[in-house]
Amino acid sequence: MNYNEIALKKGGLPFRKSFAAAFFAGMFIAFGALCSQIASVEFAPVGGKFAAAAVFPIGLIMVVLVGAELFTGNSLMAYSVYDRALGKGALLKNWGVVYLGNLVGSLFLVNLVIWGGTYRLFAGRLAKGMVAAAEMKASLPPCEMFVRAIGCNILVCVAVWCAIKAKGTAGKIIATFLPVFAFVYCGFEHSIANMYFIPVGMATQVVSGGELTIPFSGLFQNLLWVTLGNIVGGALVVAGGLWLIESENRATDTDVKRQ
């Protein structure tokens, strides 16, 4: 696998294609998040967290198999910047377009959930769970948001890297499922998933006739610190670490050939 070829292809995508692929990725991750909320309510109080973690990977599995563009997974593109195969400008442009597309895709599913009445499932228990999740995420201390986001994207980027290396559809599904299950089970924070989790909780409060207790400042603060943490976990820890390993391997191979 030559990841630089993948990164260059991603960095060279025209805006329309990149945005459309990012829209699908945001929607897919939101579908996984919605399924995790339903599973959590279905299996509560015993096994709810395990069930939520078990179904959430559906989102990233769809992203990988369809070839959609996900901001957190694209943190790996920093690998090619370190390798001097991709320019910083191309990286930042990709991140900006994909982040915007992920946001629009996530909010699209929020509208489907609200206008389709999905939030009313389980006699209103799903709505309560959605609101509680949004309140929790929006009220976390910034330090916790940041650190949890680092842990999240270490696992997400490992999942994406392993899926790229895996052979066949089954291998890609397994490679994606296990790390993502781990990050959800550990309670880590994913910026794109939170583009669904917090807005759907806010919207549910409004359409349920209750008072909006989740401030927009809580949404923006969460996305800010979680996004930064995701970048550190993906672009610095995983992409940087893998680049160091690969560069050492290349140097060793070169020395062996010379001998």
C-alpha atoms as a PDB file:
ATOM      1  CA  MET A   1       0.000   0.000   0.000  1.00  0.00           C
ATOM      2  CA  ASN A   2       1.281   3.443  -0.964  1.00  0.00           C
ATOM      3  CA  TYR A   3      -0.730   5.874   1.138  1.00  0.00           C
ATOM      4  CA  ASN A   4       0.784   8.854  -0.676  1.00  0.00           C
ATOM      5  CA  GLU A   5      -1.148   7.877  -3.806  1.00  0.00           C
ATOM      6  CA  ILE A   6      -4.384   7.877  -1.809  1.00  0.00           C
ATOM      7  CA  ALA A   7      -3.609  11.235  -0.195  1.00  0.00           C
ATOM      8  CA  LEU A   8      -2.705  12.847  -3.519  1.00  0.00           C
ATOM      9  CA  LYS A   9      -5.953  11.601  -5.022  1.00  0.00           C
ATOM     10  CA  LYS A  10      -7.935  13.020  -2.094  1.00  0.00           C
ATOM     11  CA  GLY A  11      -6.057  16.310  -2.234  1.00  0.00           C
ATOM     12  CA  GLY A  12      -6.705  16.647  -5.962  1.00  0.00           C
ATOM     13  CA  LEU A  13     -10.467  16.120  -5.867  1.00  0.00           C
ATOM     14  CA  PRO A  14     -12.520  19.044  -7.258  1.00  0.00           C
ATOM     15  CA  PHE A  15     -14.724  20.864  -4.746  1.00  0.00           C
ATOM     16  CA  ARG A  16     -18.013  19.381  -5.973  1.00  0.00           C
ATOM     17  CA  LYS A  17     -16.823  15.789  -5.787  1.00  0.00           C
ATOM     18  CA  SER A  18     -15.045  16.247  -2.464  1.00  0.00           C
ATOM     19  CA  PHE A  19     -18.059  17.972  -0.902  1.00  0.00           C
ATOM     20  CA  ALA A  20     -20.498  15.312  -2.157  1.00  0.00           C
ATOM     21  CA  ALA A  21     -18.314  12.495  -0.800  1.00  0.00           C
ATOM     22  CA  ALA A  22     -18.025  14.368   2.502  1.00  0.00           C
ATOM     23  CA  PHE A  23     -21.805  14.877   2.659  1.00  0.00           C
ATOM     24  CA  PHE A  24     -22.288  11.111   2.433  1.00  0.00           C
ATOM     25  CA  ALA A  25     -19.646  10.483   5.103  1.00  0.00           C
ATOM     26  CA  GLY A  26     -21.310  12.914   7.516  1.00  0.00           C
ATOM     27  CA  MET A  27     -24.675  11.288   6.894  1.00  0.00           C
ATOM     28  CA  PHE A  28     -23.226   7.772   7.307  1.00  0.00           C
ATOM     29  CA  ILE A  29     -21.591   8.638  10.629  1.00  0.00           C
ATOM     30  CA  ALA A  30     -24.867  10.213  11.773  1.00  0.00           C
ATOM     31  CA  PHE A  31     -26.721   7.005  10.831  1.00  0.00           C
ATOM     32  CA  GLY A  32     -24.275   5.047  12.989  1.00  0.00           C
ATOM     33  CA  ALA A  33     -24.802   7.528  15.819  1.00  0.00           C
ATOM     34  CA  LEU A  34     -28.592   7.257  15.520  1.00  0.00           C
ATOM     35  CA  CYS A  35     -28.431   3.454  15.557  1.00  0.00           C
ATOM     36  CA  SER A  36     -26.218   3.600  18.646  1.00  0.00           C
ATOM     37  CA  GLN A  37     -28.793   5.778  20.426  1.00  0.00           C
ATOM     38  CA  ILE A  38     -31.612   3.400  19.520  1.00  0.00           C
ATOM     39  CA  ALA A  39     -29.573   0.389  20.681  1.00  0.00           C
ATOM     40  CA  SER A  40     -28.699   2.154  23.928  1.00  0.00           C
ATOM     41  CA  VAL A  41     -32.380   2.730  24.720  1.00  0.00           C
ATOM     42  CA  GLU A  42     -33.418  -0.746  23.520  1.00  0.00           C
ATOM     43  CA  PHE A  43     -30.955  -2.565  25.774  1.00  0.00           C
ATOM     44  CA  ALA A  44     -30.915  -0.185  28.756  1.00  0.00           C
ATOM     45  CA  PRO A  45     -30.200  -0.348  31.615  1.00  0.00           C
ATOM     46  CA  VAL A  46     -28.102  -3.508  31.188  1.00  0.00           C
ATOM     47  CA  GLY A  47     -26.021  -3.769  28.040  1.00  0.00           C
ATOM     48  CA  GLY A  48     -27.018  -0.426  26.563  1.00  0.00           C
ATOM     49  CA  LYS A  49     -23.486   0.912  26.277  1.00  0.00           C
ATOM     50  CA  PHE A  50     -22.188  -2.328  24.778  1.00  0.00           C
ATOM     51  CA  ALA A  51     -25.016  -2.404  22.228  1.00  0.00           C
ATOM     52  CA  ALA A  52     -24.405   1.238  21.290  1.00  0.00           C
ATOM     53  CA  ALA A  53     -20.695   0.554  20.740  1.00  0.00           C
ATOM     54  CA  ALA A  54     -21.501  -2.553  18.703  1.00  0.00           C
ATOM     55  CA  VAL A  55     -23.706  -0.758  16.155  1.00  0.00           C
ATOM     56  CA  PHE A  56     -21.983   2.639  15.905  1.00  0.00           C
ATOM     57  CA  PRO A  57     -19.234   1.248  13.572  1.00  0.00           C
ATOM     58  CA  ILE A  58     -21.912   0.867  10.874  1.00  0.00           C
ATOM     59  CA  GLY A  59     -21.211   4.500  10.007  1.00  0.00           C
ATOM     60  CA  LEU A  60     -17.467   4.201   9.405  1.00  0.00           C
ATOM     61  CA  ILE A  61     -17.919   0.847   7.660  1.00  0.00           C
ATOM     62  CA  MET A  62     -20.183   2.571   5.110  1.00  0.00           C
ATOM     63  CA  VAL A  63     -17.652   5.392   4.737  1.00  0.00           C
ATOM     64  CA  VAL A  64     -14.836   2.917   4.023  1.00  0.00           C
ATOM     65  CA  LEU A  65     -16.775   0.680   1.634  1.00  0.00           C
ATOM     66  CA  VAL A  66     -18.391   3.516  -0.321  1.00  0.00           C
ATOM     67  CA  GLY A  67     -15.209   5.590  -0.446  1.00  0.00           C
ATOM     68  CA  ALA A  68     -16.691   8.688   1.198  1.00  0.00           C
ATOM     69  CA  GLU A  69     -14.603  11.537   2.624  1.00  0.00           C
ATOM     70  CA  LEU A  70     -14.474  11.796   6.428  1.00  0.00           C
ATOM     71  CA  PHE A  71     -12.590  14.615   8.158  1.00  0.00           C
ATOM     72  CA  THR A  72     -11.322  12.489  11.034  1.00  0.00           C
ATOM     73  CA  GLY A  73     -10.061   9.747   8.728  1.00  0.00           C
ATOM     74  CA  ASN A  74      -8.472  12.340   6.452  1.00  0.00           C
ATOM     75  CA  SER A  75      -6.290  13.423   9.353  1.00  0.00           C
ATOM     76  CA  LEU A  76      -4.069  10.621   8.065  1.00  0.00           C
ATOM     77  CA  MET A  77      -3.254  12.798   5.051  1.00  0.00           C
ATOM     78  CA  ALA A  78      -0.720  14.556   7.270  1.00  0.00           C
ATOM     79  CA  TYR A  79       1.401  11.423   6.708  1.00  0.00           C
ATOM     80  CA  SER A  80       1.941  12.513   3.106  1.00  0.00           C
ATOM     81  CA  VAL A  81       2.771  16.067   4.187  1.00  0.00           C
ATOM     82  CA  TYR A  82       5.505  14.679   6.455  1.00  0.00           C
ATOM     83  CA  ASP A  83       6.681  12.580   3.500  1.00  0.00           C
ATOM     84  CA  ARG A  84       6.738  15.714   1.305  1.00  0.00           C
ATOM     85  CA  ALA A  85       4.388  14.115  -1.183  1.00  0.00           C
ATOM     86  CA  LEU A  86       1.458  16.445  -0.448  1.00  0.00           C
ATOM     87  CA  GLY A  87       1.476  20.198   0.095  1.00  0.00           C
ATOM     88  CA  LYS A  88       0.132  21.809   3.255  1.00  0.00           C
ATOM     89  CA  GLY A  89      -2.257  23.924   1.187  1.00  0.00           C
ATOM     90  CA  ALA A  90      -3.830  20.863  -0.413  1.00  0.00           C
ATOM     91  CA  LEU A  91      -4.195  19.254   3.011  1.00  0.00           C
ATOM     92  CA  LEU A  92      -5.907  22.273   4.574  1.00  0.00           C
ATOM     93  CA  LYS A  93      -8.172  22.718   1.552  1.00  0.00           C
ATOM     94  CA  ASN A  94      -9.272  19.082   1.767  1.00  0.00           C
ATOM     95  CA  TRP A  95      -9.883  19.330   5.499  1.00  0.00           C
ATOM     96  CA  GLY A  96     -11.964  22.501   5.094  1.00  0.00           C
ATOM     97  CA  VAL A  97     -14.182  21.174   2.305  1.00  0.00           C
ATOM     98  CA  VAL A  98     -14.621  17.769   3.919  1.00  0.00           C
ATOM     99  CA  TYR A  99     -15.392  19.241   7.349  1.00  0.00           C
ATOM    100  CA  LEU A 100     -18.108  21.435   5.813  1.00  0.00           C
ATOM    101  CA  GLY A 101     -19.547  18.539   3.828  1.00  0.00           C
ATOM    102  CA  ASN A 102     -19.555  16.298   6.909  1.00  0.00           C
ATOM    103  CA  LEU A 103     -21.458  19.005   8.817  1.00  0.00           C
ATOM    104  CA  VAL A 104     -24.117  19.351   6.128  1.00  0.00           C
ATOM    105  CA  GLY A 105     -24.521  15.574   5.887  1.00  0.00           C
ATOM    106  CA  SER A 106     -24.878  15.231   9.651  1.00  0.00           C
ATOM    107  CA  LEU A 107     -27.487  18.003   9.831  1.00  0.00           C
ATOM    108  CA  PHE A 108     -29.364  16.399   6.938  1.00  0.00           C
ATOM    109  CA  LEU A 109     -29.942  13.303   9.052  1.00  0.00           C
ATOM    110  CA  VAL A 110     -30.903  15.450  12.052  1.00  0.00           C
ATOM    111  CA  ASN A 111     -33.737  16.829   9.904  1.00  0.00           C
ATOM    112  CA  LEU A 112     -34.809  13.340   8.848  1.00  0.00           C
ATOM    113  CA  VAL A 113     -34.936  12.249  12.499  1.00  0.00           C
ATOM    114  CA  ILE A 114     -36.993  15.276  13.543  1.00  0.00           C
ATOM    115  CA  TRP A 115     -39.386  15.565  10.604  1.00  0.00           C
ATOM    116  CA  GLY A 116     -39.814  11.804  10.392  1.00  0.00           C
ATOM    117  CA  GLY A 117     -40.698  11.591  14.085  1.00  0.00           C
ATOM    118  CA  THR A 118     -37.969   9.030  14.777  1.00  0.00           C
ATOM    119  CA  TYR A 119     -37.162  10.775  18.067  1.00  0.00           C
ATOM    120  CA  ARG A 120     -40.575   9.662  19.402  1.00  0.00           C
ATOM    121  CA  LEU A 121     -39.615   5.953  19.384  1.00  0.00           C
ATOM    122  CA  PHE A 122     -39.885   3.947  22.624  1.00  0.00           C
ATOM    123  CA  ALA A 123     -42.644   6.179  24.007  1.00  0.00           C
ATOM    124  CA  GLY A 124     -40.359   9.204  24.192  1.00  0.00           C
ATOM    125  CA  ARG A 125     -37.418   7.413  25.832  1.00  0.00           C
ATOM    126  CA  LEU A 126     -35.311   7.889  22.720  1.00  0.00           C
ATOM    127  CA  ALA A 127     -35.955  11.642  22.823  1.00  0.00           C
ATOM    128  CA  LYS A 128     -34.872  11.782  26.468  1.00  0.00           C
ATOM    129  CA  GLY A 129     -31.711   9.867  25.612  1.00  0.00           C
ATOM    130  CA  MET A 130     -30.933  12.221  22.731  1.00  0.00           C
ATOM    131  CA  VAL A 131     -31.321  15.278  24.941  1.00  0.00           C
ATOM    132  CA  ALA A 132     -29.279  13.756  27.768  1.00  0.00           C
ATOM    133  CA  ALA A 133     -26.432  12.858  25.393  1.00  0.00           C
ATOM    134  CA  ALA A 134     -26.377  16.353  23.920  1.00  0.00           C
ATOM    135  CA  GLU A 135     -26.410  17.997  27.359  1.00  0.00           C
ATOM    136  CA  MET A 136     -23.547  15.807  28.536  1.00  0.00           C
ATOM    137  CA  LYS A 137     -21.377  16.468  25.490  1.00  0.00           C
ATOM    138  CA  ALA A 138     -22.031  20.212  25.464  1.00  0.00           C
ATOM    139  CA  SER A 139     -21.176  20.581  29.164  1.00  0.00           C
ATOM    140  CA  LEU A 140     -17.908  18.628  29.299  1.00  0.00           C
ATOM    141  CA  PRO A 141     -14.853  20.616  30.451  1.00  0.00           C
ATOM    142  CA  PRO A 142     -12.733  21.677  27.447  1.00  0.00           C
ATOM    143  CA  CYS A 143      -9.766  19.643  28.687  1.00  0.00           C
ATOM    144  CA  GLU A 144     -11.860  16.465  28.777  1.00  0.00           C
ATOM    145  CA  MET A 145     -13.282  17.163  25.320  1.00  0.00           C
ATOM    146  CA  PHE A 146      -9.771  17.608  23.932  1.00  0.00           C
ATOM    147  CA  VAL A 147      -8.239  14.529  25.557  1.00  0.00           C
ATOM    148  CA  ARG A 148     -11.192  12.261  24.737  1.00  0.00           C
ATOM    149  CA  ALA A 149     -10.987  13.442  21.131  1.00  0.00           C
ATOM    150  CA  ILE A 150      -7.313  12.491  20.918  1.00  0.00           C
ATOM    151  CA  GLY A 151      -8.139   8.950  22.031  1.00  0.00           C
ATOM    152  CA  CYS A 152     -11.027   8.780  19.583  1.00  0.00           C
ATOM    153  CA  ASN A 153      -9.089   9.668  16.480  1.00  0.00           C
ATOM    154  CA  ILE A 154      -6.145   7.485  17.339  1.00  0.00           C
ATOM    155  CA  LEU A 155      -8.570   4.568  17.080  1.00  0.00           C
ATOM    156  CA  VAL A 156     -10.474   5.910  14.064  1.00  0.00           C
ATOM    157  CA  CYS A 157      -7.289   6.501  12.062  1.00  0.00           C
ATOM    158  CA  VAL A 158      -5.937   3.083  13.008  1.00  0.00           C
ATOM    159  CA  ALA A 159      -9.254   1.647  11.757  1.00  0.00           C
ATOM    160  CA  VAL A 160      -8.950   3.519   8.450  1.00  0.00           C
ATOM    161  CA  TRP A 161      -5.284   2.545   8.012  1.00  0.00           C
ATOM    162  CA  CYS A 162      -6.045  -1.124   8.709  1.00  0.00           C
ATOM    163  CA  ALA A 163      -9.057  -1.052   6.373  1.00  0.00           C
ATOM    164  CA  ILE A 164      -6.860   0.295   3.565  1.00  0.00           C
ATOM    165  CA  LYS A 165      -4.392  -2.549   4.100  1.00  0.00           C
ATOM    166  CA  ALA A 166      -7.097  -5.228   4.495  1.00  0.00           C
ATOM    167  CA  LYS A 167      -7.930  -7.554   1.613  1.00  0.00           C
ATOM    168  CA  GLY A 168     -11.565  -8.007   0.631  1.00  0.00           C
ATOM    169  CA  THR A 169     -14.808  -6.590   1.980  1.00  0.00           C
ATOM    170  CA  ALA A 170     -14.933  -8.833   5.068  1.00  0.00           C
ATOM    171  CA  GLY A 171     -11.412  -7.867   6.051  1.00  0.00           C
ATOM    172  CA  LYS A 172     -12.205  -4.157   5.722  1.00  0.00           C
ATOM    173  CA  ILE A 173     -15.350  -4.531   7.848  1.00  0.00           C
ATOM    174  CA  ILE A 174     -13.501  -6.350  10.640  1.00  0.00           C
ATOM    175  CA  ALA A 175     -10.577  -3.901  10.522  1.00  0.00           C
ATOM    176  CA  THR A 176     -12.998  -0.987  10.835  1.00  0.00           C
ATOM    177  CA  PHE A 177     -15.343  -2.478  13.418  1.00  0.00           C
ATOM    178  CA  LEU A 178     -12.949  -3.304  16.257  1.00  0.00           C
ATOM    179  CA  PRO A 179     -11.174   0.065  16.796  1.00  0.00           C
ATOM    180  CA  VAL A 180     -14.421   2.030  16.390  1.00  0.00           C
ATOM    181  CA  PHE A 181     -16.212  -0.244  18.853  1.00  0.00           C
ATOM    182  CA  ALA A 182     -13.364   0.478  21.290  1.00  0.00           C
ATOM    183  CA  PHE A 183     -13.596   4.271  20.994  1.00  0.00           C
ATOM    184  CA  VAL A 184     -17.353   4.330  21.537  1.00  0.00           C
ATOM    185  CA  TYR A 185     -17.149   1.894  24.454  1.00  0.00           C
ATOM    186  CA  CYS A 186     -14.475   4.079  26.057  1.00  0.00           C
ATOM    187  CA  GLY A 187     -16.647   7.193  25.767  1.00  0.00           C
ATOM    188  CA  PHE A 188     -14.280   9.127  23.497  1.00  0.00           C
ATOM    189  CA  GLU A 189     -15.349  12.156  21.444  1.00  0.00           C
ATOM    190  CA  HIS A 190     -15.722  12.267  17.644  1.00  0.00           C
ATOM    191  CA  SER A 191     -16.242  15.707  16.080  1.00  0.00           C
ATOM    192  CA  ILE A 192     -18.332  14.540  13.118  1.00  0.00           C
ATOM    193  CA  ALA A 193     -20.559  12.322  15.262  1.00  0.00           C
ATOM    194  CA  ASN A 194     -21.083  15.311  17.571  1.00  0.00           C
ATOM    195  CA  MET A 195     -22.344  17.304  14.579  1.00  0.00           C
ATOM    196  CA  TYR A 196     -25.314  14.929  14.858  1.00  0.00           C
ATOM    197  CA  PHE A 197     -25.466  14.142  18.590  1.00  0.00           C
ATOM    198  CA  ILE A 198     -25.692  17.718  19.884  1.00  0.00           C
ATOM    199  CA  PRO A 199     -27.926  19.294  17.190  1.00  0.00           C
ATOM    200  CA  VAL A 200     -30.394  16.373  17.319  1.00  0.00           C
ATOM    201  CA  GLY A 201     -30.655  16.780  21.094  1.00  0.00           C
ATOM    202  CA  MET A 202     -31.236  20.521  20.721  1.00  0.00           C
ATOM    203  CA  ALA A 203     -33.829  20.037  17.982  1.00  0.00           C
ATOM    204  CA  THR A 204     -35.598  17.337  19.996  1.00  0.00           C
ATOM    205  CA  GLN A 205     -35.964  19.702  22.932  1.00  0.00           C
ATOM    206  CA  VAL A 206     -37.535  22.339  20.691  1.00  0.00           C
ATOM    207  CA  VAL A 207     -40.012  20.094  18.848  1.00  0.00           C
ATOM    208  CA  SER A 208     -40.983  18.375  22.106  1.00  0.00           C
ATOM    209  CA  GLY A 209     -42.215  21.720  23.426  1.00  0.00           C
ATOM    210  CA  GLY A 210     -39.571  21.990  26.117  1.00  0.00           C
ATOM    211  CA  GLU A 211     -37.183  24.813  26.923  1.00  0.00           C
ATOM    212  CA  LEU A 212     -33.871  24.736  25.058  1.00  0.00           C
ATOM    213  CA  THR A 213     -31.325  24.106  27.824  1.00  0.00           C
ATOM    214  CA  ILE A 214     -28.377  23.322  25.538  1.00  0.00           C
ATOM    215  CA  PRO A 215     -26.715  26.600  24.521  1.00  0.00           C
ATOM    216  CA  PHE A 216     -25.267  27.091  21.060  1.00  0.00           C
ATOM    217  CA  SER A 217     -22.050  28.074  22.804  1.00  0.00           C
ATOM    218  CA  GLY A 218     -21.880  24.522  24.177  1.00  0.00           C
ATOM    219  CA  LEU A 219     -22.192  23.127  20.634  1.00  0.00           C
ATOM    220  CA  PHE A 220     -19.483  25.422  19.259  1.00  0.00           C
ATOM    221  CA  GLN A 221     -17.174  24.798  22.202  1.00  0.00           C
ATOM    222  CA  ASN A 222     -17.532  21.052  21.831  1.00  0.00           C
ATOM    223  CA  LEU A 223     -16.839  21.110  18.098  1.00  0.00           C
ATOM    224  CA  LEU A 224     -13.828  23.386  18.599  1.00  0.00           C
ATOM    225  CA  TRP A 225     -12.046  21.316  21.253  1.00  0.00           C
ATOM    226  CA  VAL A 226     -13.068  17.939  19.875  1.00  0.00           C
ATOM    227  CA  THR A 227     -11.954  18.895  16.366  1.00  0.00           C
ATOM    228  CA  LEU A 228      -8.573  20.036  17.692  1.00  0.00           C
ATOM    229  CA  GLY A 229      -8.216  16.838  19.701  1.00  0.00           C
ATOM    230  CA  ASN A 230      -9.142  14.722  16.682  1.00  0.00           C
ATOM    231  CA  ILE A 231      -6.436  16.493  14.656  1.00  0.00           C
ATOM    232  CA  VAL A 232      -3.831  15.820  17.334  1.00  0.00           C
ATOM    233  CA  GLY A 233      -4.819  12.160  17.629  1.00  0.00           C
ATOM    234  CA  GLY A 234      -4.964  11.556  13.885  1.00  0.00           C
ATOM    235  CA  ALA A 235      -2.487  13.934  12.267  1.00  0.00           C
ATOM    236  CA  LEU A 236       0.177  14.006  14.962  1.00  0.00           C
ATOM    237  CA  VAL A 237      -0.023  10.730  16.900  1.00  0.00           C
ATOM    238  CA  VAL A 238      -1.092   8.227  14.227  1.00  0.00           C
ATOM    239  CA  ALA A 239       0.049   9.853  10.966  1.00  0.00           C
ATOM    240  CA  GLY A 240       3.273  11.110  12.569  1.00  0.00           C
ATOM    241  CA  GLY A 241       3.993   7.800  14.257  1.00  0.00           C
ATOM    242  CA  LEU A 242       3.290   5.736  11.139  1.00  0.00           C
ATOM    243  CA  TRP A 243       5.466   8.041   9.048  1.00  0.00           C
ATOM    244  CA  LEU A 244       8.363   7.603  11.485  1.00  0.00           C
ATOM    245  CA  ILE A 245       7.947   3.824  11.389  1.00  0.00           C
ATOM    246  CA  GLU A 246       7.704   3.717   7.606  1.00  0.00           C
ATOM    247  CA  SER A 247      10.679   6.057   7.130  1.00  0.00           C
ATOM    248  CA  GLU A 248      12.789   3.907   9.467  1.00  0.00           C
ATOM    249  CA  ASN A 249      11.735   0.808   7.523  1.00  0.00           C
ATOM    250  CA  ARG A 250      12.687   2.445   4.223  1.00  0.00           C
ATOM    251  CA  ALA A 251      16.070   3.475   5.623  1.00  0.00           C
ATOM    252  CA  THR A 252      16.682  -0.071   6.880  1.00  0.00           C
ATOM    253  CA  ASP A 253      15.711  -1.567   3.518  1.00  0.00           C
ATOM    254  CA  THR A 254      18.063   0.839   1.746  1.00  0.00           C
ATOM    255  CA  ASP A 255      20.943  -0.101   4.040  1.00  0.00           C
ATOM    256  CA  VAL A 256      20.293  -3.808   3.463  1.00  0.00           C
ATOM    257  CA  LYS A 257      20.307  -3.345  -0.312  1.00  0.00           C
ATOM    258  CA  ARG A 258      23.592  -1.444  -0.157  1.00  0.00           C
ATOM    259  CA  GLN A 259      25.204  -4.283   1.783  1.00  0.00           C
END
